[in-house]
Amino acid sequence: MLRIAVVVADFNEEVTNRLLASALKTLTENSETSLDRIVHVPGCFEIPMAAKILSLSHPAPHAIVCLGAVIQGVTDQNTHLMRSVMTGLQSLQLQTGVPVSCGIISAPNLEKALDRTQKDLDRGREAAQAAIAMANLKQEMTAPASPVSRFDESILLSRVPSNSY
C-alpha cells in the first residue's frame, strides 16, 4: 500500500480547494494508495519546506502531492515565485528520493486558474496520478533484481540483423 501525503497552499483557496478535492478523490479511488496526511501551508512559497519536512519524517510517505495556485498580478512576482517553488521541489525530490508531484497552477487570472481544475484539465487529479505513478516506479526500480536478470550478450546479439555489421 502506497502512502501518499498532500501539501496544499491555502492562498487562492477557491482554486486550491478544488485541486485538493480532485487529488483526494483520485487517491481514495485507487485501491493501492492510502492518504498519509494533508498539510496546509499559507501559500506556494511554503510548499517546498513542508514537503521537505514530510520527506524526512519517519516513515516518509512514498510520494508527496503538492497543490497550489499562483495568479499573475501587476508585477512579475508570480514568475519569480513559480521558479523558486519549482526549483525547490525538483531539488527536494532529487536529494531525498521521495517523488514529489506538482499540481501548482500558474495562471494569468482566476478564471484561467479555475479552468485548470475542471474535468478535462484537472491538475489536482493529474498531480495525484503522477505521484502514484512515480511511487510505483521507484518501488519497481529499487526492488531487488532477480537472479535471472543477469546481462546475457547472446540475447542482445540474437536481435541484431546479421547484415548490420
N, C-alpha and C. Protein backbone atom coordinates (compact mmCIF):
# COMPACT_ATOMS: atom_id res chain seq x y z
N MET A 1 0.85 -1.18 0.00
CA MET A 1 0.00 0.00 0.00
C MET A 1 0.90 1.24 0.00
N LEU A 2 0.65 2.11 -0.97
CA LEU A 2 1.42 3.35 -1.08
C LEU A 2 0.83 4.42 -0.17
N ARG A 3 1.67 5.04 0.64
CA ARG A 3 1.24 6.15 1.48
C ARG A 3 1.58 7.44 0.75
N ILE A 4 0.56 8.24 0.46
CA ILE A 4 0.74 9.49 -0.27
C ILE A 4 0.34 10.66 0.64
N ALA A 5 1.23 11.64 0.74
CA ALA A 5 0.94 12.85 1.51
C ALA A 5 0.59 13.97 0.54
N VAL A 6 -0.14 14.94 1.04
CA VAL A 6 -0.54 16.09 0.23
C VAL A 6 -0.16 17.37 0.97
N VAL A 7 0.47 18.29 0.24
CA VAL A 7 0.74 19.63 0.76
C VAL A 7 -0.08 20.59 -0.10
N VAL A 8 -0.89 21.41 0.55
CA VAL A 8 -1.75 22.33 -0.20
C VAL A 8 -1.62 23.73 0.36
N ALA A 9 -1.49 24.70 -0.54
CA ALA A 9 -1.44 26.10 -0.15
C ALA A 9 -2.85 26.63 0.07
N ASP A 10 -3.03 27.42 1.12
CA ASP A 10 -4.34 27.99 1.41
C ASP A 10 -4.61 29.27 0.60
N PHE A 11 -3.56 29.93 0.15
CA PHE A 11 -3.74 31.15 -0.63
C PHE A 11 -4.40 30.80 -1.96
N ASN A 12 -5.31 31.60 -2.43
CA ASN A 12 -6.13 31.31 -3.61
C ASN A 12 -6.97 30.05 -3.37
N GLU A 13 -7.60 30.02 -2.20
CA GLU A 13 -8.30 28.80 -1.77
C GLU A 13 -9.46 28.39 -2.67
N GLU A 14 -10.01 29.29 -3.41
CA GLU A 14 -11.08 28.90 -4.35
C GLU A 14 -10.53 27.89 -5.36
N VAL A 15 -9.29 28.08 -5.74
CA VAL A 15 -8.64 27.17 -6.68
C VAL A 15 -8.07 25.97 -5.94
N THR A 16 -7.35 26.20 -4.85
CA THR A 16 -6.66 25.09 -4.18
C THR A 16 -7.63 24.11 -3.53
N ASN A 17 -8.81 24.58 -3.10
CA ASN A 17 -9.81 23.64 -2.56
C ASN A 17 -10.27 22.66 -3.64
N ARG A 18 -10.42 23.16 -4.86
CA ARG A 18 -10.81 22.27 -5.97
C ARG A 18 -9.68 21.28 -6.29
N LEU A 19 -8.45 21.79 -6.31
CA LEU A 19 -7.31 20.90 -6.56
C LEU A 19 -7.24 19.79 -5.51
N LEU A 20 -7.41 20.19 -4.25
CA LEU A 20 -7.35 19.22 -3.16
C LEU A 20 -8.48 18.18 -3.28
N ALA A 21 -9.68 18.64 -3.57
CA ALA A 21 -10.82 17.71 -3.69
C ALA A 21 -10.56 16.68 -4.78
N SER A 22 -10.08 17.11 -5.93
CA SER A 22 -9.86 16.15 -7.02
C SER A 22 -8.67 15.24 -6.74
N ALA A 23 -7.63 15.76 -6.09
CA ALA A 23 -6.49 14.90 -5.74
C ALA A 23 -6.93 13.84 -4.73
N LEU A 24 -7.68 14.24 -3.72
CA LEU A 24 -8.15 13.28 -2.72
C LEU A 24 -9.08 12.24 -3.33
N LYS A 25 -9.94 12.66 -4.24
CA LYS A 25 -10.84 11.72 -4.92
C LYS A 25 -10.02 10.68 -5.69
N THR A 26 -9.00 11.14 -6.39
CA THR A 26 -8.14 10.24 -7.16
C THR A 26 -7.42 9.26 -6.24
N LEU A 27 -6.90 9.75 -5.13
CA LEU A 27 -6.17 8.88 -4.20
C LEU A 27 -7.09 7.86 -3.54
N THR A 28 -8.30 8.28 -3.16
CA THR A 28 -9.20 7.34 -2.48
C THR A 28 -9.81 6.33 -3.44
N GLU A 29 -9.91 6.69 -4.72
CA GLU A 29 -10.44 5.74 -5.71
C GLU A 29 -9.41 4.68 -6.08
N ASN A 30 -8.15 4.92 -5.78
CA ASN A 30 -7.09 3.98 -6.13
C ASN A 30 -6.89 3.02 -4.96
N SER A 31 -7.12 1.75 -5.18
CA SER A 31 -7.06 0.76 -4.11
C SER A 31 -5.65 0.51 -3.59
N GLU A 32 -4.64 0.96 -4.32
CA GLU A 32 -3.27 0.71 -3.86
C GLU A 32 -2.68 1.88 -3.08
N THR A 33 -3.48 2.91 -2.79
CA THR A 33 -2.96 4.07 -2.06
C THR A 33 -3.74 4.32 -0.79
N SER A 34 -3.05 4.94 0.15
CA SER A 34 -3.70 5.44 1.36
C SER A 34 -3.17 6.85 1.60
N LEU A 35 -4.02 7.69 2.15
CA LEU A 35 -3.63 9.06 2.42
C LEU A 35 -2.80 9.08 3.69
N ASP A 36 -1.56 9.52 3.56
CA ASP A 36 -0.67 9.60 4.71
C ASP A 36 -1.08 10.77 5.61
N ARG A 37 -1.20 11.96 5.01
CA ARG A 37 -1.68 13.14 5.72
C ARG A 37 -1.81 14.30 4.76
N ILE A 38 -2.55 15.31 5.19
CA ILE A 38 -2.70 16.56 4.44
C ILE A 38 -2.08 17.66 5.28
N VAL A 39 -1.21 18.45 4.66
CA VAL A 39 -0.56 19.56 5.34
C VAL A 39 -0.97 20.84 4.62
N HIS A 40 -1.52 21.78 5.36
CA HIS A 40 -1.89 23.08 4.81
C HIS A 40 -0.79 24.08 5.12
N VAL A 41 -0.41 24.87 4.13
CA VAL A 41 0.58 25.93 4.30
C VAL A 41 -0.04 27.24 3.83
N PRO A 42 0.51 28.38 4.26
CA PRO A 42 -0.09 29.67 3.88
C PRO A 42 -0.15 29.91 2.37
N GLY A 43 0.95 29.65 1.67
CA GLY A 43 0.99 29.91 0.23
C GLY A 43 1.97 28.98 -0.46
N CYS A 44 2.14 29.19 -1.76
CA CYS A 44 3.00 28.30 -2.55
C CYS A 44 4.46 28.35 -2.13
N PHE A 45 4.92 29.51 -1.68
CA PHE A 45 6.32 29.64 -1.29
C PHE A 45 6.68 28.67 -0.16
N GLU A 46 5.72 28.34 0.67
CA GLU A 46 5.96 27.46 1.82
C GLU A 46 5.85 25.98 1.48
N ILE A 47 5.38 25.64 0.30
CA ILE A 47 5.19 24.24 -0.07
C ILE A 47 6.48 23.43 -0.03
N PRO A 48 7.60 23.89 -0.60
CA PRO A 48 8.82 23.07 -0.56
C PRO A 48 9.29 22.74 0.85
N MET A 49 9.16 23.68 1.78
CA MET A 49 9.59 23.41 3.16
C MET A 49 8.73 22.33 3.80
N ALA A 50 7.41 22.44 3.63
CA ALA A 50 6.52 21.42 4.20
C ALA A 50 6.79 20.06 3.57
N ALA A 51 7.02 20.05 2.25
CA ALA A 51 7.31 18.79 1.57
C ALA A 51 8.63 18.20 2.07
N LYS A 52 9.59 19.04 2.35
CA LYS A 52 10.88 18.54 2.87
C LYS A 52 10.68 17.91 4.25
N ILE A 53 9.94 18.59 5.12
CA ILE A 53 9.67 18.03 6.45
C ILE A 53 8.99 16.67 6.32
N LEU A 54 8.02 16.56 5.42
CA LEU A 54 7.35 15.27 5.20
C LEU A 54 8.33 14.22 4.69
N SER A 55 9.20 14.61 3.76
CA SER A 55 10.12 13.63 3.17
C SER A 55 11.15 13.13 4.18
N LEU A 56 11.38 13.89 5.23
CA LEU A 56 12.33 13.49 6.27
C LEU A 56 11.65 12.84 7.47
N SER A 57 10.32 12.77 7.45
CA SER A 57 9.60 12.14 8.55
C SER A 57 9.82 10.63 8.51
N HIS A 58 9.48 9.98 9.62
CA HIS A 58 9.66 8.53 9.66
C HIS A 58 8.35 7.86 10.02
N PRO A 59 7.82 7.02 9.21
CA PRO A 59 8.31 6.72 7.86
C PRO A 59 7.89 7.83 6.89
N ALA A 60 8.72 8.06 5.92
CA ALA A 60 8.41 9.05 4.90
C ALA A 60 7.30 8.51 4.00
N PRO A 61 6.46 9.38 3.49
CA PRO A 61 5.46 8.90 2.53
C PRO A 61 6.15 8.39 1.27
N HIS A 62 5.47 7.56 0.52
CA HIS A 62 6.04 7.05 -0.73
C HIS A 62 6.09 8.14 -1.80
N ALA A 63 5.21 9.14 -1.69
CA ALA A 63 5.21 10.28 -2.62
C ALA A 63 4.46 11.43 -1.97
N ILE A 64 4.71 12.63 -2.49
CA ILE A 64 4.07 13.83 -1.97
C ILE A 64 3.43 14.58 -3.14
N VAL A 65 2.16 14.92 -2.98
CA VAL A 65 1.43 15.72 -3.96
C VAL A 65 1.44 17.16 -3.47
N CYS A 66 1.90 18.08 -4.31
CA CYS A 66 1.93 19.49 -3.94
C CYS A 66 0.93 20.27 -4.77
N LEU A 67 0.07 21.02 -4.08
CA LEU A 67 -1.02 21.73 -4.75
C LEU A 67 -1.02 23.21 -4.37
N GLY A 68 -1.21 24.06 -5.38
CA GLY A 68 -1.27 25.49 -5.12
C GLY A 68 -1.67 26.24 -6.37
N ALA A 69 -1.81 27.55 -6.23
CA ALA A 69 -2.16 28.40 -7.36
C ALA A 69 -1.45 29.74 -7.23
N VAL A 70 -0.75 30.10 -8.29
CA VAL A 70 -0.10 31.40 -8.37
C VAL A 70 -0.76 32.14 -9.52
N ILE A 71 -1.36 33.26 -9.19
CA ILE A 71 -2.07 34.04 -10.19
C ILE A 71 -1.30 35.34 -10.43
N GLN A 72 -1.13 35.64 -11.70
CA GLN A 72 -0.35 36.82 -12.09
C GLN A 72 -0.97 38.10 -11.55
N GLY A 73 -0.11 38.96 -11.04
CA GLY A 73 -0.56 40.27 -10.57
C GLY A 73 -0.04 41.35 -11.49
N VAL A 74 0.14 42.55 -10.95
CA VAL A 74 0.61 43.66 -11.77
C VAL A 74 2.13 43.67 -11.94
N THR A 75 2.83 42.91 -11.11
CA THR A 75 4.29 42.79 -11.25
C THR A 75 4.63 41.39 -11.73
N ASP A 76 5.90 41.11 -11.89
CA ASP A 76 6.31 39.77 -12.33
C ASP A 76 6.69 38.87 -11.16
N GLN A 77 6.17 39.18 -9.98
CA GLN A 77 6.46 38.37 -8.79
C GLN A 77 6.06 36.91 -9.00
N ASN A 78 4.96 36.67 -9.71
CA ASN A 78 4.50 35.30 -9.92
C ASN A 78 5.55 34.46 -10.64
N THR A 79 6.28 35.07 -11.58
CA THR A 79 7.33 34.34 -12.31
C THR A 79 8.44 33.92 -11.36
N HIS A 80 8.87 34.84 -10.51
CA HIS A 80 9.94 34.54 -9.56
C HIS A 80 9.49 33.50 -8.53
N LEU A 81 8.27 33.64 -8.08
CA LEU A 81 7.72 32.70 -7.11
C LEU A 81 7.66 31.29 -7.68
N MET A 82 7.11 31.16 -8.88
CA MET A 82 6.99 29.84 -9.50
C MET A 82 8.36 29.22 -9.75
N ARG A 83 9.30 30.01 -10.23
CA ARG A 83 10.65 29.49 -10.47
C ARG A 83 11.26 28.97 -9.17
N SER A 84 11.11 29.74 -8.12
CA SER A 84 11.65 29.35 -6.82
C SER A 84 11.01 28.07 -6.30
N VAL A 85 9.69 28.00 -6.37
CA VAL A 85 8.97 26.82 -5.88
C VAL A 85 9.33 25.58 -6.69
N MET A 86 9.33 25.72 -8.00
CA MET A 86 9.64 24.57 -8.87
C MET A 86 11.07 24.07 -8.64
N THR A 87 12.00 24.99 -8.53
CA THR A 87 13.39 24.60 -8.27
C THR A 87 13.50 23.89 -6.93
N GLY A 88 12.81 24.42 -5.93
CA GLY A 88 12.83 23.80 -4.61
C GLY A 88 12.26 22.39 -4.62
N LEU A 89 11.14 22.20 -5.30
CA LEU A 89 10.52 20.88 -5.33
C LEU A 89 11.36 19.88 -6.12
N GLN A 90 11.92 20.32 -7.23
CA GLN A 90 12.76 19.42 -8.03
C GLN A 90 14.01 19.01 -7.23
N SER A 91 14.64 19.98 -6.59
CA SER A 91 15.82 19.68 -5.77
C SER A 91 15.47 18.73 -4.64
N LEU A 92 14.33 18.97 -4.03
CA LEU A 92 13.91 18.14 -2.90
C LEU A 92 13.78 16.68 -3.29
N GLN A 93 13.10 16.41 -4.39
CA GLN A 93 12.90 15.01 -4.74
C GLN A 93 14.21 14.35 -5.17
N LEU A 94 15.10 15.11 -5.78
CA LEU A 94 16.39 14.54 -6.18
C LEU A 94 17.27 14.29 -4.96
N GLN A 95 17.19 15.15 -3.95
CA GLN A 95 18.01 14.98 -2.74
C GLN A 95 17.49 13.87 -1.84
N THR A 96 16.17 13.77 -1.69
CA THR A 96 15.61 12.82 -0.73
C THR A 96 15.21 11.49 -1.35
N GLY A 97 14.96 11.47 -2.64
CA GLY A 97 14.49 10.26 -3.28
C GLY A 97 13.00 10.03 -3.11
N VAL A 98 12.30 10.97 -2.49
CA VAL A 98 10.85 10.86 -2.36
C VAL A 98 10.22 11.59 -3.54
N PRO A 99 9.45 10.90 -4.37
CA PRO A 99 8.81 11.57 -5.51
C PRO A 99 7.88 12.69 -5.06
N VAL A 100 7.96 13.81 -5.76
CA VAL A 100 7.12 14.97 -5.48
C VAL A 100 6.41 15.34 -6.77
N SER A 101 5.09 15.33 -6.76
CA SER A 101 4.36 15.73 -7.95
C SER A 101 3.90 17.17 -7.79
N CYS A 102 3.79 17.85 -8.92
CA CYS A 102 3.49 19.28 -8.89
C CYS A 102 2.11 19.56 -9.47
N GLY A 103 1.20 19.92 -8.61
CA GLY A 103 -0.12 20.35 -9.01
C GLY A 103 -0.28 21.83 -8.69
N ILE A 104 0.73 22.60 -9.01
CA ILE A 104 0.71 24.03 -8.75
C ILE A 104 0.42 24.75 -10.06
N ILE A 105 -0.68 25.46 -10.07
CA ILE A 105 -1.14 26.16 -11.26
C ILE A 105 -0.55 27.56 -11.29
N SER A 106 -0.06 27.95 -12.44
CA SER A 106 0.35 29.34 -12.68
C SER A 106 -0.56 29.86 -13.79
N ALA A 107 -1.31 30.90 -13.47
CA ALA A 107 -2.31 31.38 -14.45
C ALA A 107 -2.33 32.91 -14.47
N PRO A 108 -2.76 33.46 -15.61
CA PRO A 108 -2.82 34.91 -15.72
C PRO A 108 -3.97 35.54 -14.92
N ASN A 109 -5.00 34.74 -14.57
CA ASN A 109 -6.12 35.28 -13.80
C ASN A 109 -6.87 34.13 -13.13
N LEU A 110 -7.79 34.48 -12.26
CA LEU A 110 -8.55 33.48 -11.50
C LEU A 110 -9.36 32.57 -12.43
N GLU A 111 -9.96 33.14 -13.44
CA GLU A 111 -10.78 32.35 -14.37
C GLU A 111 -9.95 31.24 -15.02
N LYS A 112 -8.76 31.58 -15.50
CA LYS A 112 -7.89 30.58 -16.14
C LYS A 112 -7.43 29.54 -15.13
N ALA A 113 -7.18 29.98 -13.90
CA ALA A 113 -6.77 29.03 -12.86
C ALA A 113 -7.90 28.04 -12.58
N LEU A 114 -9.12 28.54 -12.46
CA LEU A 114 -10.27 27.66 -12.22
C LEU A 114 -10.50 26.71 -13.38
N ASP A 115 -10.22 27.17 -14.61
CA ASP A 115 -10.35 26.30 -15.78
C ASP A 115 -9.47 25.06 -15.64
N ARG A 116 -8.36 25.18 -14.95
CA ARG A 116 -7.41 24.07 -14.80
C ARG A 116 -7.79 23.13 -13.65
N THR A 117 -8.98 23.34 -13.11
CA THR A 117 -9.50 22.43 -12.09
C THR A 117 -10.76 21.72 -12.58
N GLN A 118 -11.01 21.83 -13.87
CA GLN A 118 -12.21 21.25 -14.46
C GLN A 118 -11.97 19.80 -14.88
N LYS A 119 -13.02 19.15 -15.28
CA LYS A 119 -12.98 17.74 -15.66
C LYS A 119 -11.92 17.43 -16.72
N ASP A 120 -11.87 18.24 -17.78
CA ASP A 120 -10.95 17.96 -18.89
C ASP A 120 -9.49 18.26 -18.54
N LEU A 121 -9.28 19.27 -17.73
CA LEU A 121 -7.94 19.75 -17.43
C LEU A 121 -7.79 19.84 -15.92
N ASP A 122 -7.82 18.71 -15.25
CA ASP A 122 -7.86 18.65 -13.80
C ASP A 122 -6.45 18.44 -13.24
N ARG A 123 -5.80 19.52 -12.87
CA ARG A 123 -4.42 19.45 -12.39
C ARG A 123 -4.31 18.74 -11.03
N GLY A 124 -5.33 18.77 -10.22
CA GLY A 124 -5.32 18.02 -8.95
C GLY A 124 -5.28 16.52 -9.19
N ARG A 125 -6.14 16.06 -10.10
CA ARG A 125 -6.17 14.64 -10.47
C ARG A 125 -4.83 14.23 -11.08
N GLU A 126 -4.34 15.06 -12.00
CA GLU A 126 -3.08 14.74 -12.67
C GLU A 126 -1.91 14.66 -11.69
N ALA A 127 -1.87 15.55 -10.71
CA ALA A 127 -0.79 15.53 -9.72
C ALA A 127 -0.86 14.26 -8.87
N ALA A 128 -2.07 13.85 -8.49
CA ALA A 128 -2.22 12.62 -7.71
C ALA A 128 -1.81 11.40 -8.54
N GLN A 129 -2.22 11.38 -9.80
CA GLN A 129 -1.85 10.26 -10.68
C GLN A 129 -0.33 10.21 -10.87
N ALA A 130 0.30 11.35 -11.02
CA ALA A 130 1.76 11.39 -11.19
C ALA A 130 2.46 10.88 -9.94
N ALA A 131 1.96 11.25 -8.77
CA ALA A 131 2.56 10.78 -7.52
C ALA A 131 2.47 9.27 -7.41
N ILE A 132 1.32 8.72 -7.74
CA ILE A 132 1.13 7.27 -7.70
C ILE A 132 2.08 6.59 -8.69
N ALA A 133 2.14 7.12 -9.89
CA ALA A 133 3.00 6.52 -10.92
C ALA A 133 4.46 6.55 -10.50
N MET A 134 4.91 7.66 -9.95
CA MET A 134 6.33 7.77 -9.57
C MET A 134 6.64 6.92 -8.34
N ALA A 135 5.71 6.81 -7.40
CA ALA A 135 5.93 5.94 -6.24
C ALA A 135 6.04 4.49 -6.69
N ASN A 136 5.16 4.08 -7.62
CA ASN A 136 5.24 2.72 -8.16
C ASN A 136 6.54 2.50 -8.92
N LEU A 137 6.92 3.47 -9.73
CA LEU A 137 8.17 3.36 -10.49
C LEU A 137 9.36 3.22 -9.56
N LYS A 138 9.39 4.03 -8.51
CA LYS A 138 10.50 3.94 -7.55
C LYS A 138 10.55 2.56 -6.92
N GLN A 139 9.40 2.02 -6.53
CA GLN A 139 9.38 0.69 -5.93
C GLN A 139 9.86 -0.38 -6.91
N GLU A 140 9.44 -0.26 -8.16
CA GLU A 140 9.87 -1.23 -9.17
C GLU A 140 11.38 -1.15 -9.42
N MET A 141 11.88 0.07 -9.50
CA MET A 141 13.29 0.25 -9.85
C MET A 141 14.23 -0.04 -8.68
N THR A 142 13.73 0.02 -7.46
CA THR A 142 14.59 -0.24 -6.30
C THR A 142 14.38 -1.63 -5.73
N ALA A 143 13.49 -2.41 -6.33
CA ALA A 143 13.28 -3.79 -5.88
C ALA A 143 14.52 -4.61 -6.21
N PRO A 144 14.83 -5.58 -5.37
CA PRO A 144 15.99 -6.43 -5.66
C PRO A 144 15.84 -7.12 -7.01
N ALA A 145 16.91 -7.15 -7.75
CA ALA A 145 16.90 -7.79 -9.07
C ALA A 145 16.81 -9.30 -8.90
N SER A 146 16.09 -9.92 -9.81
CA SER A 146 16.00 -11.38 -9.77
C SER A 146 17.31 -11.95 -10.31
N PRO A 147 17.69 -13.15 -9.89
CA PRO A 147 18.96 -13.74 -10.34
C PRO A 147 18.99 -13.96 -11.86
N VAL A 148 17.82 -14.04 -12.49
CA VAL A 148 17.76 -14.28 -13.93
C VAL A 148 18.04 -13.00 -14.72
N SER A 149 18.02 -11.84 -14.09
CA SER A 149 18.14 -10.59 -14.81
C SER A 149 19.59 -10.26 -15.20
N ARG A 150 20.50 -11.23 -15.07
CA ARG A 150 21.89 -11.03 -15.46
C ARG A 150 21.97 -10.76 -16.95
N PHE A 151 22.86 -9.85 -17.34
CA PHE A 151 23.01 -9.49 -18.75
C PHE A 151 23.50 -10.69 -19.55
N ASP A 152 22.81 -10.99 -20.62
CA ASP A 152 23.18 -12.10 -21.49
C ASP A 152 23.39 -11.55 -22.89
N GLU A 153 24.65 -11.47 -23.32
CA GLU A 153 25.00 -10.88 -24.61
C GLU A 153 24.37 -11.63 -25.78
N SER A 154 24.16 -12.93 -25.64
CA SER A 154 23.59 -13.70 -26.75
C SER A 154 22.17 -13.25 -27.06
N ILE A 155 21.42 -12.83 -26.04
CA ILE A 155 20.06 -12.33 -26.28
C ILE A 155 20.12 -11.06 -27.09
N LEU A 156 21.02 -10.18 -26.73
CA LEU A 156 21.17 -8.92 -27.45
C LEU A 156 21.58 -9.17 -28.90
N LEU A 157 22.56 -10.02 -29.09
CA LEU A 157 23.06 -10.28 -30.44
C LEU A 157 22.04 -11.01 -31.30
N SER A 158 21.19 -11.81 -30.69
CA SER A 158 20.18 -12.54 -31.46
C SER A 158 19.14 -11.59 -32.06
N ARG A 159 19.04 -10.38 -31.53
CA ARG A 159 18.06 -9.41 -32.04
C ARG A 159 18.66 -8.46 -33.06
N VAL A 160 19.93 -8.55 -33.30
CA VAL A 160 20.59 -7.68 -34.27
C VAL A 160 20.62 -8.38 -35.62
N PRO A 161 20.11 -7.76 -36.68
CA PRO A 161 20.16 -8.41 -38.01
C PRO A 161 21.61 -8.71 -38.39
N SER A 162 21.82 -9.85 -39.00
CA SER A 162 23.19 -10.28 -39.32
C SER A 162 23.88 -9.36 -40.34
N ASN A 163 23.14 -8.65 -41.17
CA ASN A 163 23.76 -7.79 -42.17
C ASN A 163 24.07 -6.40 -41.63
N SER A 164 23.92 -6.18 -40.34
CA SER A 164 24.16 -4.85 -39.79
C SER A 164 25.62 -4.63 -39.37
N TYR A 165 26.46 -5.65 -39.47
CA TYR A 165 27.86 -5.49 -39.09
C TYR A 165 28.71 -5.07 -40.23
